[in-house]
PDB file of N, CA and C in Angstrom:
ATOM      1  N   UNK A   1       8.532  21.821 -79.154  1.00  0.00           N
ATOM      2  CA  UNK A   1       8.075  22.389 -78.639  1.00  0.00           C
ATOM      3  C   UNK A   1       6.565  23.525 -78.291  1.00  0.00           C
ATOM      4  N   UNK A   2       6.654  24.305 -79.194  1.00  0.00           N
ATOM      5  CA  UNK A   2       5.918  25.206 -79.631  1.00  0.00           C
ATOM      6  C   UNK A   2       4.514  24.410 -79.376  1.00  0.00           C
ATOM      7  N   UNK A   3       3.652  23.600 -79.380  1.00  0.00           N
ATOM      8  CA  UNK A   3       2.941  22.443 -78.771  1.00  0.00           C
ATOM      9  C   UNK A   3       2.961  22.741 -77.379  1.00  0.00           C
ATOM     10  N   UNK A   4       3.986  22.404 -76.787  1.00  0.00           N
ATOM     11  CA  UNK A   4       3.461  21.836 -75.354  1.00  0.00           C
ATOM     12  C   UNK A   4       3.155  23.719 -74.712  1.00  0.00           C
ATOM     13  N   UNK A   5       3.978  24.994 -75.221  1.00  0.00           N
ATOM     14  CA  UNK A   5       3.944  26.203 -74.874  1.00  0.00           C
ATOM     15  C   UNK A   5       1.863  26.402 -75.270  1.00  0.00           C
ATOM     16  N   UNK A   6       1.686  26.426 -76.346  1.00  0.00           N
ATOM     17  CA  UNK A   6       0.317  26.380 -76.090  1.00  0.00           C
ATOM     18  C   UNK A   6      -0.470  24.838 -75.377  1.00  0.00           C
ATOM     19  N   UNK A   7      -0.221  23.968 -75.217  1.00  0.00           N
ATOM     20  CA  UNK A   7      -1.178  22.952 -74.929  1.00  0.00           C
ATOM     21  C   UNK A   7      -1.225  24.098 -72.809  1.00  0.00           C
ATOM     22  N   UNK A   8       0.117  24.215 -72.416  1.00  0.00           N
ATOM     23  CA  UNK A   8      -0.082  24.493 -70.863  1.00  0.00           C
ATOM     24  C   UNK A   8      -0.435  26.007 -70.789  1.00  0.00           C
ATOM     25  N   UNK A   9      -0.698  27.239 -71.837  1.00  0.00           N
ATOM     26  CA  UNK A   9      -0.556  28.104 -71.363  1.00  0.00           C
ATOM     27  C   UNK A   9      -2.149  28.303 -70.930  1.00  0.00           C
ATOM     28  N   UNK A  10      -3.399  27.300 -70.938  1.00  0.00           N
ATOM     29  CA  UNK A  10      -4.437  27.728 -70.015  1.00  0.00           C
ATOM     30  C   UNK A  10      -4.632  27.558 -68.722  1.00  0.00           C
ATOM     31  N   UNK A  11      -3.641  26.701 -68.406  1.00  0.00           N
ATOM     32  CA  UNK A  11      -3.677  25.841 -67.114  1.00  0.00           C
ATOM     33  C   UNK A  11      -2.960  26.809 -66.315  1.00  0.00           C
ATOM     34  N   UNK A  12      -1.523  27.436 -67.224  1.00  0.00           N
ATOM     35  CA  UNK A  12      -1.083  28.544 -66.493  1.00  0.00           C
ATOM     36  C   UNK A  12      -1.244  29.771 -66.365  1.00  0.00           C
ATOM     37  N   UNK A  13      -2.523  30.121 -66.789  1.00  0.00           N
ATOM     38  CA  UNK A  13      -2.922  31.806 -66.875  1.00  0.00           C
ATOM     39  C   UNK A  13      -4.235  30.838 -65.668  1.00  0.00           C
ATOM     40  N   UNK A  14      -4.701  30.050 -65.457  1.00  0.00           N
ATOM     41  CA  UNK A  14      -5.759  29.935 -64.303  1.00  0.00           C
ATOM     42  C   UNK A  14      -4.494  29.980 -63.131  1.00  0.00           C
ATOM     43  N   UNK A  15      -3.368  29.416 -62.877  1.00  0.00           N
ATOM     44  CA  UNK A  15      -2.395  29.346 -61.983  1.00  0.00           C
ATOM     45  C   UNK A  15      -2.129  30.906 -61.363  1.00  0.00           C
ATOM     46  N   UNK A  16      -2.083  31.715 -62.792  1.00  0.00           N
ATOM     47  CA  UNK A  16      -1.591  33.594 -62.518  1.00  0.00           C
ATOM     48  C   UNK A  16      -2.795  34.072 -61.915  1.00  0.00           C
ATOM     49  N   UNK A  17      -4.148  33.727 -62.833  1.00  0.00           N
ATOM     50  CA  UNK A  17      -5.229  34.478 -62.070  1.00  0.00           C
ATOM     51  C   UNK A  17      -5.323  34.104 -60.820  1.00  0.00           C
ATOM     52  N   UNK A  18      -5.979  32.612 -60.166  1.00  0.00           N
ATOM     53  CA  UNK A  18      -5.665  31.941 -59.007  1.00  0.00           C
ATOM     54  C   UNK A  18      -4.527  33.016 -58.107  1.00  0.00           C
ATOM     55  N   UNK A  19      -3.458  32.930 -58.392  1.00  0.00           N
ATOM     56  CA  UNK A  19      -2.922  33.989 -57.330  1.00  0.00           C
ATOM     57  C   UNK A  19      -3.176  35.133 -57.475  1.00  0.00           C
ATOM     58  N   UNK A  20      -3.286  35.708 -58.494  1.00  0.00           N
ATOM     59  CA  UNK A  20      -3.252  37.269 -58.323  1.00  0.00           C
ATOM     60  C   UNK A  20      -4.999  37.392 -57.841  1.00  0.00           C
ATOM     61  N   UNK A  21      -6.103  36.776 -57.874  1.00  0.00           N
ATOM     62  CA  UNK A  21      -7.411  37.449 -56.702  1.00  0.00           C
ATOM     63  C   UNK A  21      -7.097  36.715 -56.128  1.00  0.00           C
ATOM     64  N   UNK A  22      -6.241  36.003 -55.324  1.00  0.00           N
ATOM     65  CA  UNK A  22      -6.309  35.647 -53.904  1.00  0.00           C
ATOM     66  C   UNK A  22      -5.072  36.596 -53.208  1.00  0.00           C
ATOM     67  N   UNK A  23      -3.936  37.011 -54.097  1.00  0.00           N
ATOM     68  CA  UNK A  23      -3.181  37.852 -53.676  1.00  0.00           C
ATOM     69  C   UNK A  23      -4.196  39.624 -53.472  1.00  0.00           C
ATOM     70  N   UNK A  24      -5.258  40.082 -54.552  1.00  0.00           N
ATOM     71  CA  UNK A  24      -5.553  40.867 -53.973  1.00  0.00           C
ATOM     72  C   UNK A  24      -6.616  40.686 -52.863  1.00  0.00           C
ATOM     73  N   UNK A  25      -7.539  39.461 -52.949  1.00  0.00           N
ATOM     74  CA  UNK A  25      -8.061  39.456 -51.435  1.00  0.00           C
ATOM     75  C   UNK A  25      -7.342  39.870 -50.206  1.00  0.00           C
ATOM     76  N   UNK A  26      -6.070  39.312 -50.421  1.00  0.00           N
ATOM     77  CA  UNK A  26      -5.779  39.691 -48.604  1.00  0.00           C
ATOM     78  C   UNK A  26      -4.896  41.096 -49.176  1.00  0.00           C
ATOM     79  N   UNK A  27      -4.928  41.633 -49.981  1.00  0.00           N
ATOM     80  CA  UNK A  27      -4.581  42.990 -50.099  1.00  0.00           C
ATOM     81  C   UNK A  27      -5.601  44.145 -50.292  1.00  0.00           C
ATOM     82  N   UNK A  28      -6.765  43.718 -50.471  1.00  0.00           N
ATOM     83  CA  UNK A  28      -7.909  44.690 -50.110  1.00  0.00           C
ATOM     84  C   UNK A  28      -7.798  44.324 -48.744  1.00  0.00           C
ATOM     85  N   UNK A  29      -8.528  43.333 -48.413  1.00  0.00           N
ATOM     86  CA  UNK A  29      -8.337  43.121 -46.656  1.00  0.00           C
ATOM     87  C   UNK A  29      -7.503  43.917 -45.859  1.00  0.00           C
ATOM     88  N   UNK A  30      -5.908  43.777 -46.039  1.00  0.00           N
ATOM     89  CA  UNK A  30      -5.193  44.875 -45.868  1.00  0.00           C
ATOM     90  C   UNK A  30      -5.015  45.895 -45.963  1.00  0.00           C
ATOM     91  N   UNK A  31      -5.586  46.488 -46.871  1.00  0.00           N
ATOM     92  CA  UNK A  31      -5.885  48.272 -47.165  1.00  0.00           C
ATOM     93  C   UNK A  31      -6.904  48.491 -46.695  1.00  0.00           C
ATOM     94  N   UNK A  32      -7.879  47.850 -46.369  1.00  0.00           N
ATOM     95  CA  UNK A  32      -9.493  48.308 -46.130  1.00  0.00           C
ATOM     96  C   UNK A  32     -10.237  48.421 -47.166  1.00  0.00           C
ATOM     97  N   UNK A  33     -10.140  47.897 -48.274  1.00  0.00           N
ATOM     98  CA  UNK A  33     -11.344  48.262 -49.516  1.00  0.00           C
ATOM     99  C   UNK A  33     -12.423  47.625 -49.737  1.00  0.00           C
ATOM    100  N   UNK A  34     -12.613  46.693 -48.875  1.00  0.00           N
ATOM    101  CA  UNK A  34     -13.991  46.897 -48.636  1.00  0.00           C
ATOM    102  C   UNK A  34     -14.928  47.673 -48.100  1.00  0.00           C
ATOM    103  N   UNK A  35     -14.739  48.681 -47.236  1.00  0.00           N
ATOM    104  CA  UNK A  35     -15.149  50.031 -47.050  1.00  0.00           C
ATOM    105  C   UNK A  35     -14.862  51.146 -47.546  1.00  0.00           C
ATOM    106  N   UNK A  36     -14.201  51.030 -48.915  1.00  0.00           N
ATOM    107  CA  UNK A  36     -14.376  51.482 -49.913  1.00  0.00           C
ATOM    108  C   UNK A  36     -15.221  51.516 -51.161  1.00  0.00           C
ATOM    109  N   UNK A  37     -16.149  52.164 -51.256  1.00  0.00           N
ATOM    110  CA  UNK A  37     -17.706  52.285 -52.554  1.00  0.00           C
ATOM    111  C   UNK A  37     -17.307  52.786 -53.591  1.00  0.00           C
ATOM    112  N   UNK A  38     -17.666  51.752 -54.733  1.00  0.00           N
ATOM    113  CA  UNK A  38     -17.543  52.495 -56.178  1.00  0.00           C
ATOM    114  C   UNK A  38     -18.977  52.378 -56.538  1.00  0.00           C
ATOM    115  N   UNK A  39     -18.994  53.008 -57.620  1.00  0.00           N
ATOM    116  CA  UNK A  39     -20.837  53.209 -58.249  1.00  0.00           C
ATOM    117  C   UNK A  39     -21.226  51.455 -58.587  1.00  0.00           C
ATOM    118  N   UNK A  40     -19.809  50.564 -58.335  1.00  0.00           N
ATOM    119  CA  UNK A  40     -19.803  49.081 -59.032  1.00  0.00           C
ATOM    120  C   UNK A  40     -20.118  47.985 -57.312  1.00  0.00           C
ATOM    121  N   UNK A  41     -20.008  49.034 -56.956  1.00  0.00           N
ATOM    122  CA  UNK A  41     -19.986  48.406 -55.294  1.00  0.00           C
ATOM    123  C   UNK A  41     -18.472  48.371 -54.281  1.00  0.00           C
ATOM    124  N   UNK A  42     -18.197  47.472 -53.192  1.00  0.00           N
ATOM    125  CA  UNK A  42     -16.817  48.126 -52.623  1.00  0.00           C
ATOM    126  C   UNK A  42     -15.471  47.527 -53.546  1.00  0.00           C
ATOM    127  N   UNK A  43     -14.441  48.447 -53.478  1.00  0.00           N
ATOM    128  CA  UNK A  43     -13.734  48.184 -54.312  1.00  0.00           C
ATOM    129  C   UNK A  43     -12.766  47.139 -54.321  1.00  0.00           C
ATOM    130  N   UNK A  44     -13.017  46.708 -53.213  1.00  0.00           N
ATOM    131  CA  UNK A  44     -12.353  45.180 -52.891  1.00  0.00           C
ATOM    132  C   UNK A  44     -12.935  44.013 -54.137  1.00  0.00           C
ATOM    133  N   UNK A  45     -14.357  44.127 -54.080  1.00  0.00           N
ATOM    134  CA  UNK A  45     -15.115  43.100 -55.088  1.00  0.00           C
ATOM    135  C   UNK A  45     -14.658  43.335 -56.211  1.00  0.00           C
ATOM    136  N   UNK A  46     -14.565  44.969 -56.598  1.00  0.00           N
ATOM    137  CA  UNK A  46     -14.343  45.259 -58.118  1.00  0.00           C
ATOM    138  C   UNK A  46     -13.034  45.559 -58.756  1.00  0.00           C
ATOM    139  N   UNK A  47     -11.869  45.174 -57.060  1.00  0.00           N
ATOM    140  CA  UNK A  47     -10.636  44.862 -57.883  1.00  0.00           C
ATOM    141  C   UNK A  47     -10.704  43.247 -58.328  1.00  0.00           C
ATOM    142  N   UNK A  48     -11.199  42.806 -57.091  1.00  0.00           N
ATOM    143  CA  UNK A  48     -10.524  41.221 -57.752  1.00  0.00           C
ATOM    144  C   UNK A  48     -12.064  41.063 -59.157  1.00  0.00           C
ATOM    145  N   UNK A  49     -12.980  40.974 -59.507  1.00  0.00           N
ATOM    146  CA  UNK A  49     -14.047  41.149 -60.305  1.00  0.00           C
ATOM    147  C   UNK A  49     -13.328  41.365 -61.868  1.00  0.00           C
ATOM    148  N   UNK A  50     -12.803  42.538 -61.908  1.00  0.00           N
ATOM    149  CA  UNK A  50     -11.349  43.164 -62.980  1.00  0.00           C
ATOM    150  C   UNK A  50     -10.515  42.233 -63.069  1.00  0.00           C
ATOM    151  N   UNK A  51     -10.178  41.625 -62.653  1.00  0.00           N
ATOM    152  CA  UNK A  51      -9.165  40.825 -62.729  1.00  0.00           C
ATOM    153  C   UNK A  51      -9.620  39.385 -63.410  1.00  0.00           C
ATOM    154  N   UNK A  52     -10.828  38.996 -62.833  1.00  0.00           N
ATOM    155  CA  UNK A  52     -10.978  37.464 -63.015  1.00  0.00           C
ATOM    156  C   UNK A  52     -11.893  37.268 -64.617  1.00  0.00           C
ATOM    157  N   UNK A  53     -12.733  38.685 -64.635  1.00  0.00           N
ATOM    158  CA  UNK A  53     -12.876  39.037 -65.679  1.00  0.00           C
ATOM    159  C   UNK A  53     -12.121  39.351 -67.070  1.00  0.00           C
ATOM    160  N   UNK A  54     -11.112  40.113 -66.794  1.00  0.00           N
ATOM    161  CA  UNK A  54     -10.047  39.880 -67.855  1.00  0.00           C
ATOM    162  C   UNK A  54      -9.510  38.973 -68.204  1.00  0.00           C
ATOM    163  N   UNK A  55      -9.239  37.763 -66.958  1.00  0.00           N
ATOM    164  CA  UNK A  55      -8.791  36.553 -67.194  1.00  0.00           C
ATOM    165  C   UNK A  55      -9.391  35.529 -67.612  1.00  0.00           C
ATOM    166  N   UNK A  56     -10.478  35.524 -67.701  1.00  0.00           N
ATOM    167  CA  UNK A  56     -11.837  34.777 -68.140  1.00  0.00           C
ATOM    168  C   UNK A  56     -12.465  35.401 -70.012  1.00  0.00           C
ATOM    169  N   UNK A  57     -11.417  36.751 -70.057  1.00  0.00           N
ATOM    170  CA  UNK A  57     -11.457  36.986 -71.640  1.00  0.00           C
ATOM    171  C   UNK A  57     -10.033  36.681 -71.808  1.00  0.00           C
ATOM    172  N   UNK A  58      -9.219  36.653 -71.691  1.00  0.00           N
ATOM    173  CA  UNK A  58      -8.202  35.849 -72.250  1.00  0.00           C
ATOM    174  C   UNK A  58      -8.244  34.379 -72.328  1.00  0.00           C
ATOM    175  N   UNK A  59      -8.902  33.888 -71.813  1.00  0.00           N
ATOM    176  CA  UNK A  59      -8.954  32.447 -72.110  1.00  0.00           C
ATOM    177  C   UNK A  59     -10.638  32.411 -72.827  1.00  0.00           C
ATOM    178  N   UNK A  60     -10.989  33.374 -73.660  1.00  0.00           N
ATOM    179  CA  UNK A  60     -11.656  33.123 -74.361  1.00  0.00           C
ATOM    180  C   UNK A  60     -11.015  33.715 -75.658  1.00  0.00           C
ATOM    181  N   UNK A  61     -10.164  34.302 -75.731  1.00  0.00           N
ATOM    182  CA  UNK A  61      -8.984  34.314 -76.492  1.00  0.00           C
ATOM    183  C   UNK A  61      -8.264  32.904 -77.006  1.00  0.00           C
ATOM    184  N   UNK A  62      -7.590  32.430 -76.096  1.00  0.00           N
ATOM    185  CA  UNK A  62      -6.995  31.399 -76.049  1.00  0.00           C
ATOM    186  C   UNK A  62      -7.828  30.024 -76.701  1.00  0.00           C
ATOM    187  N   UNK A  63      -9.013  30.132 -76.341  1.00  0.00           N
ATOM    188  CA  UNK A  63     -10.061  28.870 -76.809  1.00  0.00           C
ATOM    189  C   UNK A  63      -9.941  29.541 -78.503  1.00  0.00           C
ATOM    190  N   UNK A  64      -9.855  30.822 -78.378  1.00  0.00           N
ATOM    191  CA  UNK A  64     -11.087  31.285 -80.334  1.00  0.00           C
ATOM    192  C   UNK A  64      -9.197  30.834 -81.062  1.00  0.00           C
ATOM    193  N   UNK A  65      -8.388  31.092 -80.654  1.00  0.00           N
ATOM    194  CA  UNK A  65      -7.303  30.767 -81.740  1.00  0.00           C
ATOM    195  C   UNK A  65      -6.355  29.353 -81.220  1.00  0.00           C
ATOM    196  N   UNK A  66      -7.058  28.238 -80.463  1.00  0.00           N
ATOM    197  CA  UNK A  66      -7.076  26.959 -80.896  1.00  0.00           C
ATOM    198  C   UNK A  66      -7.559  26.333 -81.718  1.00  0.00           C
ATOM    199  N   UNK A  67      -6.023  25.831 -82.243  1.00  0.00           N
ATOM    200  CA  UNK A  67      -6.170  25.141 -83.526  1.00  0.00           C
ATOM    201  C   UNK A  67      -7.631  23.445 -83.937  1.00  0.00           C
ATOM    202  N   UNK A  68      -8.494  24.435 -84.695  1.00  0.00           N
ATOM    203  CA  UNK A  68      -9.693  22.950 -84.706  1.00  0.00           C
ATOM    204  C   UNK A  68      -9.716  22.255 -85.899  1.00  0.00           C
ATOM    205  N   UNK A  69      -8.465  21.438 -86.393  1.00  0.00           N
ATOM    206  CA  UNK A  69      -8.291  20.470 -87.103  1.00  0.00           C
ATOM    207  C   UNK A  69      -8.341  19.202 -85.732  1.00  0.00           C
ATOM    208  N   UNK A  70      -8.906  18.269 -86.661  1.00  0.00           N
ATOM    209  CA  UNK A  70      -9.009  16.997 -85.847  1.00  0.00           C
ATOM    210  C   UNK A  70      -7.875  15.800 -85.299  1.00  0.00           C
ATOM    211  N   UNK A  71      -7.080  16.088 -85.170  1.00  0.00           N
ATOM    212  CA  UNK A  71      -5.326  15.787 -84.940  1.00  0.00           C
ATOM    213  C   UNK A  71      -5.485  15.360 -83.300  1.00  0.00           C
ATOM    214  N   UNK A  72      -4.985  14.507 -82.266  1.00  0.00           N
ATOM    215  CA  UNK A  72      -4.754  14.502 -81.071  1.00  0.00           C
ATOM    216  C   UNK A  72      -4.442  15.471 -80.484  1.00  0.00           C
ATOM    217  N   UNK A  73      -2.910  16.016 -81.190  1.00  0.00           N
ATOM    218  CA  UNK A  73      -2.680  17.094 -80.605  1.00  0.00           C
ATOM    219  C   UNK A  73      -4.181  18.294 -80.566  1.00  0.00           C
ATOM    220  N   UNK A  74      -4.584  18.878 -81.079  1.00  0.00           N
ATOM    221  CA  UNK A  74      -5.447  19.864 -81.778  1.00  0.00           C
ATOM    222  C   UNK A  74      -6.152  19.851 -80.535  1.00  0.00           C
ATOM    223  N   UNK A  75      -6.887  18.665 -80.527  1.00  0.00           N
ATOM    224  CA  UNK A  75      -8.161  18.130 -79.122  1.00  0.00           C
ATOM    225  C   UNK A  75      -7.558  18.083 -78.365  1.00  0.00           C
ATOM    226  N   UNK A  76      -6.197  17.943 -77.760  1.00  0.00           N
ATOM    227  CA  UNK A  76      -5.359  17.952 -76.397  1.00  0.00           C
ATOM    228  C   UNK A  76      -5.285  19.470 -76.145  1.00  0.00           C
ATOM    229  N   UNK A  77      -5.253  20.557 -77.191  1.00  0.00           N
ATOM    230  CA  UNK A  77      -5.218  21.868 -76.830  1.00  0.00           C
ATOM    231  C   UNK A  77      -5.654  22.363 -76.228  1.00  0.00           C
ATOM    232  N   UNK A  78      -6.930  22.328 -77.559  1.00  0.00           N
ATOM    233  CA  UNK A  78      -8.490  22.377 -77.153  1.00  0.00           C
ATOM    234  C   UNK A  78      -9.388  22.416 -75.153  1.00  0.00           C
ATOM    235  N   UNK A  79      -9.116  20.815 -75.567  1.00  0.00           N
ATOM    236  CA  UNK A  79      -9.051  20.635 -74.055  1.00  0.00           C
ATOM    237  C   UNK A  79      -8.623  20.830 -72.911  1.00  0.00           C
ATOM    238  N   UNK A  80      -7.297  21.427 -73.369  1.00  0.00           N
ATOM    239  CA  UNK A  80      -6.563  22.474 -72.274  1.00  0.00           C
ATOM    240  C   UNK A  80      -7.460  23.777 -71.799  1.00  0.00           C
ATOM    241  N   UNK A  81      -7.770  24.189 -73.036  1.00  0.00           N
ATOM    242  CA  UNK A  81      -8.172  25.468 -72.747  1.00  0.00           C
ATOM    243  C   UNK A  81      -9.351  25.784 -72.030  1.00  0.00           C
ATOM    244  N   UNK A  82     -10.578  24.254 -72.515  1.00  0.00           N
ATOM    245  CA  UNK A  82     -11.416  24.311 -71.902  1.00  0.00           C
ATOM    246  C   UNK A  82     -11.630  23.911 -70.508  1.00  0.00           C
ATOM    247  N   UNK A  83     -10.442  23.376 -70.326  1.00  0.00           N
ATOM    248  CA  UNK A  83     -10.371  23.236 -68.359  1.00  0.00           C
ATOM    249  C   UNK A  83      -9.667  24.152 -67.827  1.00  0.00           C
ATOM    250  N   UNK A  84      -9.175  25.125 -68.538  1.00  0.00           N
ATOM    251  CA  UNK A  84      -8.255  26.109 -67.893  1.00  0.00           C
ATOM    252  C   UNK A  84      -9.431  27.125 -68.002  1.00  0.00           C
ATOM    253  N   UNK A  85     -10.590  27.142 -68.800  1.00  0.00           N
ATOM    254  CA  UNK A  85     -11.428  28.043 -68.221  1.00  0.00           C
ATOM    255  C   UNK A  85     -12.066  27.965 -67.633  1.00  0.00           C
ATOM    256  N   UNK A  86     -12.636  26.489 -67.354  1.00  0.00           N
ATOM    257  CA  UNK A  86     -13.839  26.101 -66.181  1.00  0.00           C
ATOM    258  C   UNK A  86     -13.132  26.624 -64.833  1.00  0.00           C
ATOM    259  N   UNK A  87     -11.661  25.925 -64.508  1.00  0.00           N
ATOM    260  CA  UNK A  87     -10.925  26.034 -64.019  1.00  0.00           C
ATOM    261  C   UNK A  87     -11.086  27.364 -63.318  1.00  0.00           C
ATOM    262  N   UNK A  88     -10.717  28.104 -63.688  1.00  0.00           N
ATOM    263  CA  UNK A  88     -10.792  29.501 -63.527  1.00  0.00           C
ATOM    264  C   UNK A  88     -11.998  30.480 -63.287  1.00  0.00           C
ATOM    265  N   UNK A  89     -13.355  30.056 -63.976  1.00  0.00           N
ATOM    266  CA  UNK A  89     -14.541  30.661 -63.666  1.00  0.00           C
ATOM    267  C   UNK A  89     -15.049  29.674 -62.225  1.00  0.00           C
ATOM    268  N   UNK A  90     -15.055  28.629 -61.961  1.00  0.00           N
ATOM    269  CA  UNK A  90     -15.290  27.592 -60.577  1.00  0.00           C
ATOM    270  C   UNK A  90     -14.536  27.891 -59.336  1.00  0.00           C
ATOM    271  N   UNK A  91     -13.124  28.223 -59.466  1.00  0.00           N
ATOM    272  CA  UNK A  91     -12.589  27.980 -58.545  1.00  0.00           C
ATOM    273  C   UNK A  91     -12.450  29.727 -57.857  1.00  0.00           C
ATOM    274  N   UNK A  92     -12.782  30.278 -58.905  1.00  0.00           N
ATOM    275  CA  UNK A  92     -12.211  31.762 -58.106  1.00  0.00           C
ATOM    276  C   UNK A  92     -14.111  32.624 -58.081  1.00  0.00           C
ATOM    277  N   UNK A  93     -14.942  31.263 -58.543  1.00  0.00           N
ATOM    278  CA  UNK A  93     -16.376  32.544 -58.253  1.00  0.00           C
ATOM    279  C   UNK A  93     -16.563  32.258 -56.769  1.00  0.00           C
ATOM    280  N   UNK A  94     -16.424  31.662 -55.795  1.00  0.00           N
ATOM    281  CA  UNK A  94     -16.652  31.927 -54.286  1.00  0.00           C
ATOM    282  C   UNK A  94     -16.054  33.004 -53.576  1.00  0.00           C
ATOM    283  N   UNK A  95     -14.745  33.607 -54.205  1.00  0.00           N
ATOM    284  CA  UNK A  95     -14.095  34.698 -53.776  1.00  0.00           C
ATOM    285  C   UNK A  95     -14.527  35.747 -53.602  1.00  0.00           C
ATOM    286  N   UNK A  96     -14.875  36.167 -55.218  1.00  0.00           N
ATOM    287  CA  UNK A  96     -15.908  37.146 -55.403  1.00  0.00           C
ATOM    288  C   UNK A  96     -16.614  36.985 -54.759  1.00  0.00           C
ATOM    289  N   UNK A  97     -17.861  35.792 -54.561  1.00  0.00           N
ATOM    290  CA  UNK A  97     -19.100  36.198 -54.115  1.00  0.00           C
ATOM    291  C   UNK A  97     -18.967  35.864 -52.484  1.00  0.00           C
ATOM    292  N   UNK A  98     -18.529  35.088 -51.833  1.00  0.00           N
ATOM    293  CA  UNK A  98     -18.144  35.313 -50.224  1.00  0.00           C
ATOM    294  C   UNK A  98     -16.988  36.103 -49.903  1.00  0.00           C
ATOM    295  N   UNK A  99     -16.881  36.919 -50.379  1.00  0.00           N
ATOM    296  CA  UNK A  99     -15.562  38.125 -50.269  1.00  0.00           C
ATOM    297  C   UNK A  99     -15.729  38.265 -48.640  1.00  0.00           C
ATOM    298  N   UNK A 100     -15.093  37.627 -47.955  1.00  0.00           N
ATOM    299  CA  UNK A 100     -15.337  38.486 -46.382  1.00  0.00           C
ATOM    300  C   UNK A 100     -13.335  38.947 -45.688  1.00  0.00           C
ATOM    301  N   UNK A 101     -13.292  39.819 -45.052  1.00  0.00           N
ATOM    302  CA  UNK A 101     -11.683  39.461 -44.384  1.00  0.00           C
ATOM    303  C   UNK A 101     -12.089  39.623 -42.555  1.00  0.00           C
ATOM    304  N   UNK A 102     -11.225  39.121 -42.023  1.00  0.00           N
ATOM    305  CA  UNK A 102     -11.138  38.786 -40.682  1.00  0.00           C
ATOM    306  C   UNK A 102     -11.180  40.097 -40.390  1.00  0.00           C
ATOM    307  N   UNK A 103     -12.083  39.917 -38.838  1.00  0.00           N
ATOM    308  CA  UNK A 103     -11.852  41.388 -38.173  1.00  0.00           C
ATOM    309  C   UNK A 103     -10.522  41.778 -37.530  1.00  0.00           C
ATOM    310  N   UNK A 104     -10.146  42.451 -37.532  1.00  0.00           N
ATOM    311  CA  UNK A 104      -8.883  42.808 -37.034  1.00  0.00           C
ATOM    312  C   UNK A 104      -8.885  43.299 -35.472  1.00  0.00           C
ATOM    313  N   UNK A 105      -8.030  43.321 -35.010  1.00  0.00           N
ATOM    314  CA  UNK A 105      -8.029  42.551 -32.990  1.00  0.00           C
ATOM    315  C   UNK A 105      -8.037  44.465 -32.492  1.00  0.00           C
TER     316      UNK A 105
END
């Protein structure tokens, strides 16, 4: 049972991160965050980037803690870790770089 939890953790983290970043996108658009400036850019991009980078950091911690023995189960855990990391990196990058909010009527 522990193996299943360790195996599914990176993919679950990707799903949570995906939901959180897209929720922040909608919330930021609704609250007008793109027009709020911070030293690092708009509050909208900064909030989403902070969550994204934090999630990538957790992915790296999971990869670091993954077992390194050559058994099939351990290799599958490492593979799931890398899949989760790359999925988080690639599926959320466009949201951060191409952030647009619909115009209000």
